[in-house]
Amino acid sequence: MRKTLFAVAAALALCSTIASARDVGFSVVNKTGSTMKALYGGPSSSGEWGSNILQGTIPNGGTLAVTIDGTSTCKYDFRYEIAGHEPLEEYGVDICAIDGEEFVIE
Protein backbone atom coordinates (compact mmCIF):
# COMPACT_ATOMS: atom_id res chain seq x y z
CA MET A 1 0.00 0.00 0.00
CA ARG A 2 2.82 2.38 0.89
CA LYS A 3 4.55 1.74 -2.48
CA THR A 4 1.28 2.36 -4.32
CA LEU A 5 0.74 5.71 -2.57
CA PHE A 6 4.32 6.74 -3.33
CA ALA A 7 3.88 5.82 -7.01
CA VAL A 8 0.63 7.83 -7.23
CA ALA A 9 2.24 10.84 -5.51
CA ALA A 10 5.24 10.67 -7.85
CA ALA A 11 2.98 10.48 -10.91
CA LEU A 12 0.93 13.48 -9.73
CA ALA A 13 4.10 15.47 -9.07
CA LEU A 14 5.36 14.66 -12.56
CA CYS A 15 2.07 15.72 -14.14
CA SER A 16 2.00 19.02 -12.25
CA THR A 17 5.59 19.73 -13.35
CA ILE A 18 4.75 19.04 -17.00
CA ALA A 19 1.65 21.25 -16.89
CA SER A 20 3.33 24.19 -15.13
CA ALA A 21 3.63 27.43 -17.04
CA ARG A 22 6.98 28.48 -18.48
CA ASP A 23 8.46 30.96 -20.91
CA VAL A 24 9.47 29.59 -24.31
CA GLY A 25 11.72 31.51 -26.70
CA PHE A 26 12.89 30.81 -30.25
CA SER A 27 14.02 32.68 -33.35
CA VAL A 28 11.79 32.77 -36.43
CA VAL A 29 13.92 32.78 -39.58
CA ASN A 30 12.24 33.87 -42.83
CA LYS A 31 13.58 31.84 -45.76
CA THR A 32 10.48 32.10 -47.93
CA GLY A 33 12.09 34.24 -50.63
CA SER A 34 9.71 37.13 -49.83
CA THR A 35 8.91 39.53 -47.01
CA MET A 36 6.86 38.16 -44.12
CA LYS A 37 4.05 40.64 -43.44
CA ALA A 38 2.35 38.96 -40.50
CA LEU A 39 2.82 36.08 -38.06
CA TYR A 40 -0.02 34.76 -35.92
CA GLY A 41 0.14 31.98 -33.38
CA GLY A 42 -1.79 30.35 -30.60
CA PRO A 43 -2.19 27.10 -28.71
CA SER A 44 -3.43 24.31 -30.97
CA SER A 45 -6.30 23.68 -28.56
CA SER A 46 -7.67 27.24 -28.80
CA GLY A 47 -8.73 27.37 -32.46
CA GLU A 48 -7.73 31.07 -32.50
CA TRP A 49 -4.70 32.68 -34.15
CA GLY A 50 -4.27 35.50 -31.67
CA SER A 51 -2.80 38.88 -32.62
CA ASN A 52 0.00 39.57 -35.11
CA ILE A 53 3.35 38.88 -33.42
CA LEU A 54 5.29 41.09 -35.87
CA GLN A 55 5.92 44.77 -35.21
CA GLY A 56 6.57 45.46 -38.88
CA THR A 57 7.89 42.91 -41.37
CA ILE A 58 10.68 40.34 -41.65
CA PRO A 59 12.62 40.52 -44.91
CA ASN A 60 13.74 37.32 -46.61
CA GLY A 61 16.72 36.03 -44.61
CA GLY A 62 15.69 38.08 -41.56
CA THR A 63 15.16 36.79 -38.04
CA LEU A 64 12.75 37.67 -35.25
CA ALA A 65 13.15 36.63 -31.61
CA VAL A 66 9.84 35.36 -30.20
CA THR A 67 9.06 34.71 -26.55
CA ILE A 68 5.82 33.11 -25.43
CA ASP A 69 5.39 34.00 -21.77
CA GLY A 70 3.84 31.68 -19.22
CA THR A 71 2.59 28.94 -21.51
CA SER A 72 1.49 25.61 -20.11
CA THR A 73 1.07 24.00 -23.52
CA CYS A 74 3.70 23.05 -26.08
CA LYS A 75 1.59 22.52 -29.21
CA TYR A 76 1.02 25.74 -31.16
CA ASP A 77 -0.45 26.57 -34.57
CA PHE A 78 1.04 29.34 -36.72
CA ARG A 79 -0.15 31.36 -39.72
CA TYR A 80 2.35 33.27 -41.87
CA GLU A 81 1.42 35.99 -44.34
CA ILE A 82 4.08 36.34 -47.02
CA ALA A 83 4.11 39.11 -49.65
CA GLY A 84 2.89 37.80 -53.01
CA HIS A 85 1.75 34.40 -51.63
CA GLU A 86 -1.27 32.77 -50.09
CA PRO A 87 -1.04 32.56 -46.28
CA LEU A 88 0.81 29.52 -44.94
CA GLU A 89 -0.47 27.60 -41.93
CA GLU A 90 1.39 25.11 -39.77
CA TYR A 91 -0.30 23.07 -37.07
CA GLY A 92 0.91 21.27 -33.96
CA VAL A 93 4.37 22.86 -33.73
CA ASP A 94 6.06 21.71 -30.51
CA ILE A 95 7.41 25.04 -29.26
CA CYS A 96 8.96 23.36 -26.20
CA ALA A 97 11.16 21.30 -28.52
CA ILE A 98 12.40 24.43 -30.34
CA ASP A 99 12.95 26.48 -27.15
CA GLY A 100 16.24 28.34 -27.65
CA GLU A 101 16.50 27.20 -31.29
CA GLU A 102 15.75 28.59 -34.74
CA PHE A 103 12.35 27.99 -36.31
CA VAL A 104 12.92 28.29 -40.07
CA ILE A 105 9.97 29.12 -42.31
CA GLU A 106 10.55 28.17 -45.96
PDB file of N, CA and C in Angstrom:
ATOM      1  N   MET A   1       0.832  -1.189   0.000  1.00  0.00           N
ATOM      2  CA  MET A   1       0.000   0.000   0.000  1.00  0.00           C
ATOM      3  C   MET A   1       0.880   1.257   0.000  1.00  0.00           C
ATOM      4  N   ARG A   2       1.917   1.229   0.797  1.00  0.00           N
ATOM      5  CA  ARG A   2       2.817   2.377   0.891  1.00  0.00           C
ATOM      6  C   ARG A   2       3.482   2.645  -0.456  1.00  0.00           C
ATOM      7  N   LYS A   3       3.916   1.585  -1.165  1.00  0.00           N
ATOM      8  CA  LYS A   3       4.547   1.740  -2.477  1.00  0.00           C
ATOM      9  C   LYS A   3       3.557   2.303  -3.489  1.00  0.00           C
ATOM     10  N   THR A   4       2.306   1.871  -3.409  1.00  0.00           N
ATOM     11  CA  THR A   4       1.283   2.359  -4.324  1.00  0.00           C
ATOM     12  C   THR A   4       1.042   3.852  -4.112  1.00  0.00           C
ATOM     13  N   LEU A   5       0.938   4.288  -2.860  1.00  0.00           N
ATOM     14  CA  LEU A   5       0.736   5.707  -2.565  1.00  0.00           C
ATOM     15  C   LEU A   5       1.920   6.539  -3.051  1.00  0.00           C
ATOM     16  N   PHE A   6       3.129   6.032  -2.859  1.00  0.00           N
ATOM     17  CA  PHE A   6       4.321   6.741  -3.327  1.00  0.00           C
ATOM     18  C   PHE A   6       4.297   6.868  -4.847  1.00  0.00           C
ATOM     19  N   ALA A   7       3.928   5.798  -5.545  1.00  0.00           N
ATOM     20  CA  ALA A   7       3.878   5.820  -7.009  1.00  0.00           C
ATOM     21  C   ALA A   7       2.831   6.827  -7.500  1.00  0.00           C
ATOM     22  N   VAL A   8       1.676   6.870  -6.855  1.00  0.00           N
ATOM     23  CA  VAL A   8       0.626   7.826  -7.234  1.00  0.00           C
ATOM     24  C   VAL A   8       1.100   9.253  -6.974  1.00  0.00           C
ATOM     25  N   ALA A   9       1.722   9.500  -5.829  1.00  0.00           N
ATOM     26  CA  ALA A   9       2.236  10.840  -5.514  1.00  0.00           C
ATOM     27  C   ALA A   9       3.307  11.259  -6.511  1.00  0.00           C
ATOM     28  N   ALA A  10       4.185  10.357  -6.875  1.00  0.00           N
ATOM     29  CA  ALA A  10       5.238  10.668  -7.847  1.00  0.00           C
ATOM     30  C   ALA A  10       4.631  10.990  -9.209  1.00  0.00           C
ATOM     31  N   ALA A  11       3.630  10.235  -9.617  1.00  0.00           N
ATOM     32  CA  ALA A  11       2.977  10.480 -10.906  1.00  0.00           C
ATOM     33  C   ALA A  11       2.275  11.836 -10.898  1.00  0.00           C
ATOM     34  N   LEU A  12       1.596  12.176  -9.822  1.00  0.00           N
ATOM     35  CA  LEU A  12       0.933  13.481  -9.731  1.00  0.00           C
ATOM     36  C   LEU A  12       1.942  14.620  -9.743  1.00  0.00           C
ATOM     37  N   ALA A  13       3.063  14.444  -9.066  1.00  0.00           N
ATOM     38  CA  ALA A  13       4.103  15.473  -9.068  1.00  0.00           C
ATOM     39  C   ALA A  13       4.662  15.666 -10.468  1.00  0.00           C
ATOM     40  N   LEU A  14       4.857  14.576 -11.191  1.00  0.00           N
ATOM     41  CA  LEU A  14       5.361  14.663 -12.556  1.00  0.00           C
ATOM     42  C   LEU A  14       4.361  15.382 -13.450  1.00  0.00           C
ATOM     43  N   CYS A  15       3.099  15.064 -13.327  1.00  0.00           N
ATOM     44  CA  CYS A  15       2.066  15.716 -14.144  1.00  0.00           C
ATOM     45  C   CYS A  15       1.986  17.204 -13.840  1.00  0.00           C
ATOM     46  N   SER A  16       2.082  17.600 -12.580  1.00  0.00           N
ATOM     47  CA  SER A  16       1.998  19.024 -12.254  1.00  0.00           C
ATOM     48  C   SER A  16       3.226  19.763 -12.758  1.00  0.00           C
ATOM     49  N   THR A  17       4.382  19.104 -12.814  1.00  0.00           N
ATOM     50  CA  THR A  17       5.586  19.726 -13.349  1.00  0.00           C
ATOM     51  C   THR A  17       5.444  19.931 -14.846  1.00  0.00           C
ATOM     52  N   ILE A  18       4.920  18.954 -15.555  1.00  0.00           N
ATOM     53  CA  ILE A  18       4.747  19.043 -16.999  1.00  0.00           C
ATOM     54  C   ILE A  18       3.757  20.152 -17.349  1.00  0.00           C
ATOM     55  N   ALA A  19       2.695  20.298 -16.577  1.00  0.00           N
ATOM     56  CA  ALA A  19       1.648  21.254 -16.886  1.00  0.00           C
ATOM     57  C   ALA A  19       1.956  22.660 -16.391  1.00  0.00           C
ATOM     58  N   SER A  20       3.040  22.864 -15.664  1.00  0.00           N
ATOM     59  CA  SER A  20       3.332  24.190 -15.129  1.00  0.00           C
ATOM     60  C   SER A  20       3.712  25.149 -16.247  1.00  0.00           C
ATOM     61  N   ALA A  21       3.365  26.401 -16.036  1.00  0.00           N
ATOM     62  CA  ALA A  21       3.634  27.429 -17.038  1.00  0.00           C
ATOM     63  C   ALA A  21       5.117  27.767 -17.085  1.00  0.00           C
ATOM     64  N   ARG A  22       5.583  28.080 -18.304  1.00  0.00           N
ATOM     65  CA  ARG A  22       6.980  28.480 -18.481  1.00  0.00           C
ATOM     66  C   ARG A  22       7.091  29.390 -19.688  1.00  0.00           C
ATOM     67  N   ASP A  23       8.185  30.114 -19.752  1.00  0.00           N
ATOM     68  CA  ASP A  23       8.456  30.961 -20.908  1.00  0.00           C
ATOM     69  C   ASP A  23       9.205  30.136 -21.945  1.00  0.00           C
ATOM     70  N   VAL A  24       8.822  30.295 -23.208  1.00  0.00           N
ATOM     71  CA  VAL A  24       9.473  29.592 -24.311  1.00  0.00           C
ATOM     72  C   VAL A  24       9.926  30.644 -25.322  1.00  0.00           C
ATOM     73  N   GLY A  25      11.193  30.562 -25.734  1.00  0.00           N
ATOM     74  CA  GLY A  25      11.723  31.509 -26.698  1.00  0.00           C
ATOM     75  C   GLY A  25      12.404  30.803 -27.857  1.00  0.00           C
ATOM     76  N   PHE A  26      12.257  31.364 -29.054  1.00  0.00           N
ATOM     77  CA  PHE A  26      12.892  30.808 -30.249  1.00  0.00           C
ATOM     78  C   PHE A  26      13.034  31.927 -31.269  1.00  0.00           C
ATOM     79  N   SER A  27      13.832  31.707 -32.284  1.00  0.00           N
ATOM     80  CA  SER A  27      14.024  32.683 -33.352  1.00  0.00           C
ATOM     81  C   SER A  27      13.312  32.213 -34.607  1.00  0.00           C
ATOM     82  N   VAL A  28      12.452  33.059 -35.163  1.00  0.00           N
ATOM     83  CA  VAL A  28      11.785  32.772 -36.426  1.00  0.00           C
ATOM     84  C   VAL A  28      12.691  33.289 -37.534  1.00  0.00           C
ATOM     85  N   VAL A  29      13.062  32.413 -38.458  1.00  0.00           N
ATOM     86  CA  VAL A  29      13.921  32.776 -39.582  1.00  0.00           C
ATOM     87  C   VAL A  29      13.098  32.692 -40.865  1.00  0.00           C
ATOM     88  N   ASN A  30      13.011  33.812 -41.591  1.00  0.00           N
ATOM     89  CA  ASN A  30      12.239  33.874 -42.830  1.00  0.00           C
ATOM     90  C   ASN A  30      13.124  33.482 -44.009  1.00  0.00           C
ATOM     91  N   LYS A  31      12.870  32.298 -44.558  1.00  0.00           N
ATOM     92  CA  LYS A  31      13.579  31.839 -45.759  1.00  0.00           C
ATOM     93  C   LYS A  31      12.572  31.492 -46.854  1.00  0.00           C
ATOM     94  N   THR A  32      11.542  32.340 -46.958  1.00  0.00           N
ATOM     95  CA  THR A  32      10.479  32.100 -47.932  1.00  0.00           C
ATOM     96  C   THR A  32      10.789  32.685 -49.305  1.00  0.00           C
ATOM     97  N   GLY A  33      11.784  33.559 -49.384  1.00  0.00           N
ATOM     98  CA  GLY A  33      12.086  34.241 -50.632  1.00  0.00           C
ATOM     99  C   GLY A  33      11.351  35.563 -50.772  1.00  0.00           C
ATOM    100  N   SER A  34      10.476  35.881 -49.821  1.00  0.00           N
ATOM    101  CA  SER A  34       9.706  37.126 -49.834  1.00  0.00           C
ATOM    102  C   SER A  34       9.620  37.687 -48.418  1.00  0.00           C
ATOM    103  N   THR A  35       9.069  38.884 -48.312  1.00  0.00           N
ATOM    104  CA  THR A  35       8.909  39.531 -47.012  1.00  0.00           C
ATOM    105  C   THR A  35       7.737  38.927 -46.251  1.00  0.00           C
ATOM    106  N   MET A  36       7.949  38.633 -44.974  1.00  0.00           N
ATOM    107  CA  MET A  36       6.863  38.158 -44.116  1.00  0.00           C
ATOM    108  C   MET A  36       6.151  39.390 -43.575  1.00  0.00           C
ATOM    109  N   LYS A  37       4.843  39.476 -43.838  1.00  0.00           N
ATOM    110  CA  LYS A  37       4.054  40.635 -43.442  1.00  0.00           C
ATOM    111  C   LYS A  37       3.352  40.458 -42.105  1.00  0.00           C
ATOM    112  N   ALA A  38       3.062  39.213 -41.742  1.00  0.00           N
ATOM    113  CA  ALA A  38       2.347  38.957 -40.497  1.00  0.00           C
ATOM    114  C   ALA A  38       2.645  37.547 -40.008  1.00  0.00           C
ATOM    115  N   LEU A  39       2.599  37.382 -38.699  1.00  0.00           N
ATOM    116  CA  LEU A  39       2.819  36.084 -38.060  1.00  0.00           C
ATOM    117  C   LEU A  39       1.841  35.981 -36.896  1.00  0.00           C
ATOM    118  N   TYR A  40       0.969  34.997 -36.964  1.00  0.00           N
ATOM    119  CA  TYR A  40      -0.016  34.763 -35.919  1.00  0.00           C
ATOM    120  C   TYR A  40       0.255  33.398 -35.300  1.00  0.00           C
ATOM    121  N   GLY A  41      -0.043  33.272 -34.027  1.00  0.00           N
ATOM    122  CA  GLY A  41       0.141  31.984 -33.378  1.00  0.00           C
ATOM    123  C   GLY A  41      -0.730  31.852 -32.150  1.00  0.00           C
ATOM    124  N   GLY A  42      -1.011  30.621 -31.798  1.00  0.00           N
ATOM    125  CA  GLY A  42      -1.787  30.350 -30.598  1.00  0.00           C
ATOM    126  C   GLY A  42      -1.772  28.870 -30.295  1.00  0.00           C
ATOM    127  N   PRO A  43      -2.144  28.519 -29.071  1.00  0.00           N
ATOM    128  CA  PRO A  43      -2.191  27.105 -28.707  1.00  0.00           C
ATOM    129  C   PRO A  43      -3.092  26.327 -29.657  1.00  0.00           C
ATOM    130  N   SER A  44      -2.656  25.143 -30.041  1.00  0.00           N
ATOM    131  CA  SER A  44      -3.434  24.315 -30.970  1.00  0.00           C
ATOM    132  C   SER A  44      -4.846  24.053 -30.456  1.00  0.00           C
ATOM    133  N   SER A  45      -5.001  23.981 -29.157  1.00  0.00           N
ATOM    134  CA  SER A  45      -6.297  23.675 -28.563  1.00  0.00           C
ATOM    135  C   SER A  45      -7.273  24.844 -28.609  1.00  0.00           C
ATOM    136  N   SER A  46      -6.791  26.065 -28.884  1.00  0.00           N
ATOM    137  CA  SER A  46      -7.669  27.240 -28.796  1.00  0.00           C
ATOM    138  C   SER A  46      -8.511  27.473 -30.046  1.00  0.00           C
ATOM    139  N   GLY A  47      -8.007  27.098 -31.222  1.00  0.00           N
ATOM    140  CA  GLY A  47      -8.732  27.375 -32.456  1.00  0.00           C
ATOM    141  C   GLY A  47      -8.681  28.830 -32.874  1.00  0.00           C
ATOM    142  N   GLU A  48      -7.872  29.646 -32.194  1.00  0.00           N
ATOM    143  CA  GLU A  48      -7.729  31.071 -32.501  1.00  0.00           C
ATOM    144  C   GLU A  48      -6.281  31.364 -32.853  1.00  0.00           C
ATOM    145  N   TRP A  49      -6.060  32.315 -33.764  1.00  0.00           N
ATOM    146  CA  TRP A  49      -4.697  32.679 -34.153  1.00  0.00           C
ATOM    147  C   TRP A  49      -4.069  33.667 -33.186  1.00  0.00           C
ATOM    148  N   GLY A  50      -4.843  34.466 -32.517  1.00  0.00           N
ATOM    149  CA  GLY A  50      -4.270  35.500 -31.670  1.00  0.00           C
ATOM    150  C   GLY A  50      -3.876  36.707 -32.516  1.00  0.00           C
ATOM    151  N   SER A  51      -3.170  37.664 -31.911  1.00  0.00           N
ATOM    152  CA  SER A  51      -2.795  38.880 -32.623  1.00  0.00           C
ATOM    153  C   SER A  51      -1.485  38.687 -33.377  1.00  0.00           C
ATOM    154  N   ASN A  52      -1.223  39.606 -34.302  1.00  0.00           N
ATOM    155  CA  ASN A  52      -0.002  39.573 -35.107  1.00  0.00           C
ATOM    156  C   ASN A  52       1.214  39.767 -34.194  1.00  0.00           C
ATOM    157  N   ILE A  53       2.150  38.837 -34.254  1.00  0.00           N
ATOM    158  CA  ILE A  53       3.355  38.884 -33.424  1.00  0.00           C
ATOM    159  C   ILE A  53       4.344  39.918 -33.950  1.00  0.00           C
ATOM    160  N   LEU A  54       4.313  40.178 -35.262  1.00  0.00           N
ATOM    161  CA  LEU A  54       5.287  41.086 -35.872  1.00  0.00           C
ATOM    162  C   LEU A  54       4.983  42.542 -35.533  1.00  0.00           C
ATOM    163  N   GLN A  55       6.041  43.322 -35.382  1.00  0.00           N
ATOM    164  CA  GLN A  55       5.921  44.765 -35.209  1.00  0.00           C
ATOM    165  C   GLN A  55       6.514  45.416 -36.448  1.00  0.00           C
ATOM    166  N   GLY A  56       6.032  45.026 -37.599  1.00  0.00           N
ATOM    167  CA  GLY A  56       6.567  45.462 -38.881  1.00  0.00           C
ATOM    168  C   GLY A  56       6.598  44.262 -39.808  1.00  0.00           C
ATOM    169  N   THR A  57       7.735  44.048 -40.456  1.00  0.00           N
ATOM    170  CA  THR A  57       7.893  42.915 -41.373  1.00  0.00           C
ATOM    171  C   THR A  57       9.234  42.235 -41.110  1.00  0.00           C
ATOM    172  N   ILE A  58       9.396  41.033 -41.673  1.00  0.00           N
ATOM    173  CA  ILE A  58      10.682  40.335 -41.647  1.00  0.00           C
ATOM    174  C   ILE A  58      11.097  40.116 -43.097  1.00  0.00           C
ATOM    175  N   PRO A  59      12.179  40.743 -43.528  1.00  0.00           N
ATOM    176  CA  PRO A  59      12.623  40.523 -44.912  1.00  0.00           C
ATOM    177  C   PRO A  59      13.120  39.090 -45.098  1.00  0.00           C
ATOM    178  N   ASN A  60      13.174  38.639 -46.336  1.00  0.00           N
ATOM    179  CA  ASN A  60      13.737  37.320 -46.607  1.00  0.00           C
ATOM    180  C   ASN A  60      15.142  37.254 -46.006  1.00  0.00           C
ATOM    181  N   GLY A  61      15.426  36.197 -45.272  1.00  0.00           N
ATOM    182  CA  GLY A  61      16.717  36.035 -44.606  1.00  0.00           C
ATOM    183  C   GLY A  61      16.765  36.665 -43.229  1.00  0.00           C
ATOM    184  N   GLY A  62      15.729  37.416 -42.865  1.00  0.00           N
ATOM    185  CA  GLY A  62      15.686  38.080 -41.565  1.00  0.00           C
ATOM    186  C   GLY A  62      15.236  37.144 -40.449  1.00  0.00           C
ATOM    187  N   THR A  63      15.478  37.587 -39.227  1.00  0.00           N
ATOM    188  CA  THR A  63      15.164  36.792 -38.043  1.00  0.00           C
ATOM    189  C   THR A  63      14.399  37.642 -37.033  1.00  0.00           C
ATOM    190  N   LEU A  64      13.498  37.008 -36.316  1.00  0.00           N
ATOM    191  CA  LEU A  64      12.749  37.667 -35.249  1.00  0.00           C
ATOM    192  C   LEU A  64      12.801  36.785 -34.015  1.00  0.00           C
ATOM    193  N   ALA A  65      13.189  37.359 -32.875  1.00  0.00           N
ATOM    194  CA  ALA A  65      13.155  36.628 -31.606  1.00  0.00           C
ATOM    195  C   ALA A  65      11.729  36.658 -31.070  1.00  0.00           C
ATOM    196  N   VAL A  66      11.208  35.489 -30.721  1.00  0.00           N
ATOM    197  CA  VAL A  66       9.844  35.358 -30.200  1.00  0.00           C
ATOM    198  C   VAL A  66       9.918  34.723 -28.820  1.00  0.00           C
ATOM    199  N   THR A  67       9.186  35.302 -27.875  1.00  0.00           N
ATOM    200  CA  THR A  67       9.056  34.707 -26.548  1.00  0.00           C
ATOM    201  C   THR A  67       7.573  34.559 -26.242  1.00  0.00           C
ATOM    202  N   ILE A  68       7.190  33.367 -25.857  1.00  0.00           N
ATOM    203  CA  ILE A  68       5.822  33.106 -25.434  1.00  0.00           C
ATOM    204  C   ILE A  68       5.875  32.955 -23.919  1.00  0.00           C
ATOM    205  N   ASP A  69       5.309  33.933 -23.226  1.00  0.00           N
ATOM    206  CA  ASP A  69       5.388  33.995 -21.773  1.00  0.00           C
ATOM    207  C   ASP A  69       4.333  33.127 -21.101  1.00  0.00           C
ATOM    208  N   GLY A  70       4.747  32.397 -20.086  1.00  0.00           N
ATOM    209  CA  GLY A  70       3.838  31.678 -19.216  1.00  0.00           C
ATOM    210  C   GLY A  70       2.925  30.677 -19.885  1.00  0.00           C
ATOM    211  N   THR A  71       3.434  29.934 -20.851  1.00  0.00           N
ATOM    212  CA  THR A  71       2.591  28.940 -21.511  1.00  0.00           C
ATOM    213  C   THR A  71       2.650  27.603 -20.764  1.00  0.00           C
ATOM    214  N   SER A  72       1.528  26.932 -20.723  1.00  0.00           N
ATOM    215  CA  SER A  72       1.489  25.606 -20.106  1.00  0.00           C
ATOM    216  C   SER A  72       1.220  24.537 -21.161  1.00  0.00           C
ATOM    217  N   THR A  73       1.264  24.943 -22.424  1.00  0.00           N
ATOM    218  CA  THR A  73       1.072  24.003 -23.522  1.00  0.00           C
ATOM    219  C   THR A  73       2.230  24.129 -24.501  1.00  0.00           C
ATOM    220  N   CYS A  74       2.571  23.043 -25.130  1.00  0.00           N
ATOM    221  CA  CYS A  74       3.702  23.045 -26.078  1.00  0.00           C
ATOM    222  C   CYS A  74       3.257  23.044 -27.531  1.00  0.00           C
ATOM    223  N   LYS A  75       2.058  22.614 -27.819  1.00  0.00           N
ATOM    224  CA  LYS A  75       1.588  22.523 -29.207  1.00  0.00           C
ATOM    225  C   LYS A  75       0.927  23.838 -29.625  1.00  0.00           C
ATOM    226  N   TYR A  76       1.516  24.473 -30.649  1.00  0.00           N
ATOM    227  CA  TYR A  76       1.019  25.745 -31.162  1.00  0.00           C
ATOM    228  C   TYR A  76       0.775  25.646 -32.667  1.00  0.00           C
ATOM    229  N   ASP A  77      -0.180  26.440 -33.140  1.00  0.00           N
ATOM    230  CA  ASP A  77      -0.446  26.573 -34.566  1.00  0.00           C
ATOM    231  C   ASP A  77       0.013  27.961 -34.995  1.00  0.00           C
ATOM    232  N   PHE A  78       0.547  28.069 -36.214  1.00  0.00           N
ATOM    233  CA  PHE A  78       1.043  29.343 -36.723  1.00  0.00           C
ATOM    234  C   PHE A  78       0.483  29.614 -38.113  1.00  0.00           C
ATOM    235  N   ARG A  79       0.280  30.892 -38.404  1.00  0.00           N
ATOM    236  CA  ARG A  79      -0.153  31.362 -39.724  1.00  0.00           C
ATOM    237  C   ARG A  79       0.819  32.457 -40.146  1.00  0.00           C
ATOM    238  N   TYR A  80       1.382  32.313 -41.342  1.00  0.00           N
ATOM    239  CA  TYR A  80       2.345  33.269 -41.874  1.00  0.00           C
ATOM    240  C   TYR A  80       1.756  33.933 -43.096  1.00  0.00           C
ATOM    241  N   GLU A  81       1.848  35.258 -43.161  1.00  0.00           N
ATOM    242  CA  GLU A  81       1.420  35.994 -44.340  1.00  0.00           C
ATOM    243  C   GLU A  81       2.667  36.525 -45.023  1.00  0.00           C
ATOM    244  N   ILE A  82       2.877  36.051 -46.247  1.00  0.00           N
ATOM    245  CA  ILE A  82       4.078  36.342 -47.024  1.00  0.00           C
ATOM    246  C   ILE A  82       3.675  37.184 -48.243  1.00  0.00           C
ATOM    247  N   ALA A  83       4.414  38.247 -48.512  1.00  0.00           N
ATOM    248  CA  ALA A  83       4.114  39.114 -49.652  1.00  0.00           C
ATOM    249  C   ALA A  83       4.089  38.303 -50.944  1.00  0.00           C
ATOM    250  N   GLY A  84       3.008  38.460 -51.710  1.00  0.00           N
ATOM    251  CA  GLY A  84       2.887  37.799 -53.009  1.00  0.00           C
ATOM    252  C   GLY A  84       2.491  36.338 -52.953  1.00  0.00           C
ATOM    253  N   HIS A  85       2.107  35.819 -51.776  1.00  0.00           N
ATOM    254  CA  HIS A  85       1.752  34.399 -51.630  1.00  0.00           C
ATOM    255  C   HIS A  85       0.473  34.254 -50.815  1.00  0.00           C
ATOM    256  N   GLU A  86      -0.156  33.118 -50.957  1.00  0.00           N
ATOM    257  CA  GLU A  86      -1.274  32.767 -50.086  1.00  0.00           C
ATOM    258  C   GLU A  86      -0.724  32.546 -48.679  1.00  0.00           C
ATOM    259  N   PRO A  87      -1.515  32.816 -47.642  1.00  0.00           N
ATOM    260  CA  PRO A  87      -1.039  32.562 -46.281  1.00  0.00           C
ATOM    261  C   PRO A  87      -0.656  31.090 -46.085  1.00  0.00           C
ATOM    262  N   LEU A  88       0.365  30.867 -45.297  1.00  0.00           N
ATOM    263  CA  LEU A  88       0.809  29.520 -44.945  1.00  0.00           C
ATOM    264  C   LEU A  88       0.365  29.231 -43.519  1.00  0.00           C
ATOM    265  N   GLU A  89      -0.057  27.997 -43.266  1.00  0.00           N
ATOM    266  CA  GLU A  89      -0.467  27.601 -41.927  1.00  0.00           C
ATOM    267  C   GLU A  89       0.264  26.331 -41.534  1.00  0.00           C
ATOM    268  N   GLU A  90       0.691  26.290 -40.289  1.00  0.00           N
ATOM    269  CA  GLU A  90       1.388  25.113 -39.766  1.00  0.00           C
ATOM    270  C   GLU A  90       0.756  24.773 -38.422  1.00  0.00           C
ATOM    271  N   TYR A  91       0.430  23.507 -38.255  1.00  0.00           N
ATOM    272  CA  TYR A  91      -0.305  23.069 -37.072  1.00  0.00           C
ATOM    273  C   TYR A  91       0.520  22.123 -36.209  1.00  0.00           C
ATOM    274  N   GLY A  92       0.297  22.207 -34.896  1.00  0.00           N
ATOM    275  CA  GLY A  92       0.908  21.268 -33.963  1.00  0.00           C
ATOM    276  C   GLY A  92       2.407  21.411 -33.796  1.00  0.00           C
ATOM    277  N   VAL A  93       2.933  22.633 -33.926  1.00  0.00           N
ATOM    278  CA  VAL A  93       4.367  22.859 -33.729  1.00  0.00           C
ATOM    279  C   VAL A  93       4.680  22.728 -32.243  1.00  0.00           C
ATOM    280  N   ASP A  94       5.652  21.900 -31.900  1.00  0.00           N
ATOM    281  CA  ASP A  94       6.061  21.709 -30.510  1.00  0.00           C
ATOM    282  C   ASP A  94       7.058  22.806 -30.143  1.00  0.00           C
ATOM    283  N   ILE A  95       6.537  23.915 -29.575  1.00  0.00           N
ATOM    284  CA  ILE A  95       7.414  25.040 -29.257  1.00  0.00           C
ATOM    285  C   ILE A  95       8.378  24.713 -28.123  1.00  0.00           C
ATOM    286  N   CYS A  96       8.033  23.752 -27.275  1.00  0.00           N
ATOM    287  CA  CYS A  96       8.957  23.357 -26.199  1.00  0.00           C
ATOM    288  C   CYS A  96      10.205  22.695 -26.786  1.00  0.00           C
ATOM    289  N   ALA A  97      10.035  21.981 -27.886  1.00  0.00           N
ATOM    290  CA  ALA A  97      11.163  21.301 -28.524  1.00  0.00           C
ATOM    291  C   ALA A  97      12.090  22.286 -29.234  1.00  0.00           C
ATOM    292  N   ILE A  98      11.550  23.448 -29.638  1.00  0.00           N
ATOM    293  CA  ILE A  98      12.398  24.435 -30.337  1.00  0.00           C
ATOM    294  C   ILE A  98      12.822  25.576 -29.413  1.00  0.00           C
ATOM    295  N   ASP A  99      12.548  25.469 -28.128  1.00  0.00           N
ATOM    296  CA  ASP A  99      12.951  26.479 -27.154  1.00  0.00           C
ATOM    297  C   ASP A  99      14.456  26.731 -27.267  1.00  0.00           C
ATOM    298  N   GLY A 100      14.827  27.980 -27.520  1.00  0.00           N
ATOM    299  CA  GLY A 100      16.239  28.339 -27.653  1.00  0.00           C
ATOM    300  C   GLY A 100      16.833  28.071 -29.015  1.00  0.00           C
ATOM    301  N   GLU A 101      16.021  27.588 -29.942  1.00  0.00           N
ATOM    302  CA  GLU A 101      16.504  27.202 -31.285  1.00  0.00           C
ATOM    303  C   GLU A 101      15.952  28.144 -32.349  1.00  0.00           C
ATOM    304  N   GLU A 102      16.310  27.876 -33.607  1.00  0.00           N
ATOM    305  CA  GLU A 102      15.752  28.586 -34.741  1.00  0.00           C
ATOM    306  C   GLU A 102      14.574  27.815 -35.302  1.00  0.00           C
ATOM    307  N   PHE A 103      13.531  28.559 -35.672  1.00  0.00           N
ATOM    308  CA  PHE A 103      12.348  27.992 -36.314  1.00  0.00           C
ATOM    309  C   PHE A 103      12.328  28.580 -37.723  1.00  0.00           C
ATOM    310  N   VAL A 104      12.754  27.798 -38.697  1.00  0.00           N
ATOM    311  CA  VAL A 104      12.919  28.287 -40.070  1.00  0.00           C
ATOM    312  C   VAL A 104      11.623  28.087 -40.843  1.00  0.00           C
ATOM    313  N   ILE A 105      11.166  29.163 -41.480  1.00  0.00           N
ATOM    314  CA  ILE A 105       9.972  29.119 -42.313  1.00  0.00           C
ATOM    315  C   ILE A 105      10.431  29.242 -43.753  1.00  0.00           C
ATOM    316  N   GLU A 106      10.123  28.199 -44.553  1.00  0.00           N
ATOM    317  CA  GLU A 106      10.554  28.168 -45.956  1.00  0.00           C
ATOM    318  C   GLU A 106       9.363  28.131 -46.880  1.00  0.00           C
TER     319      GLU A 106
END
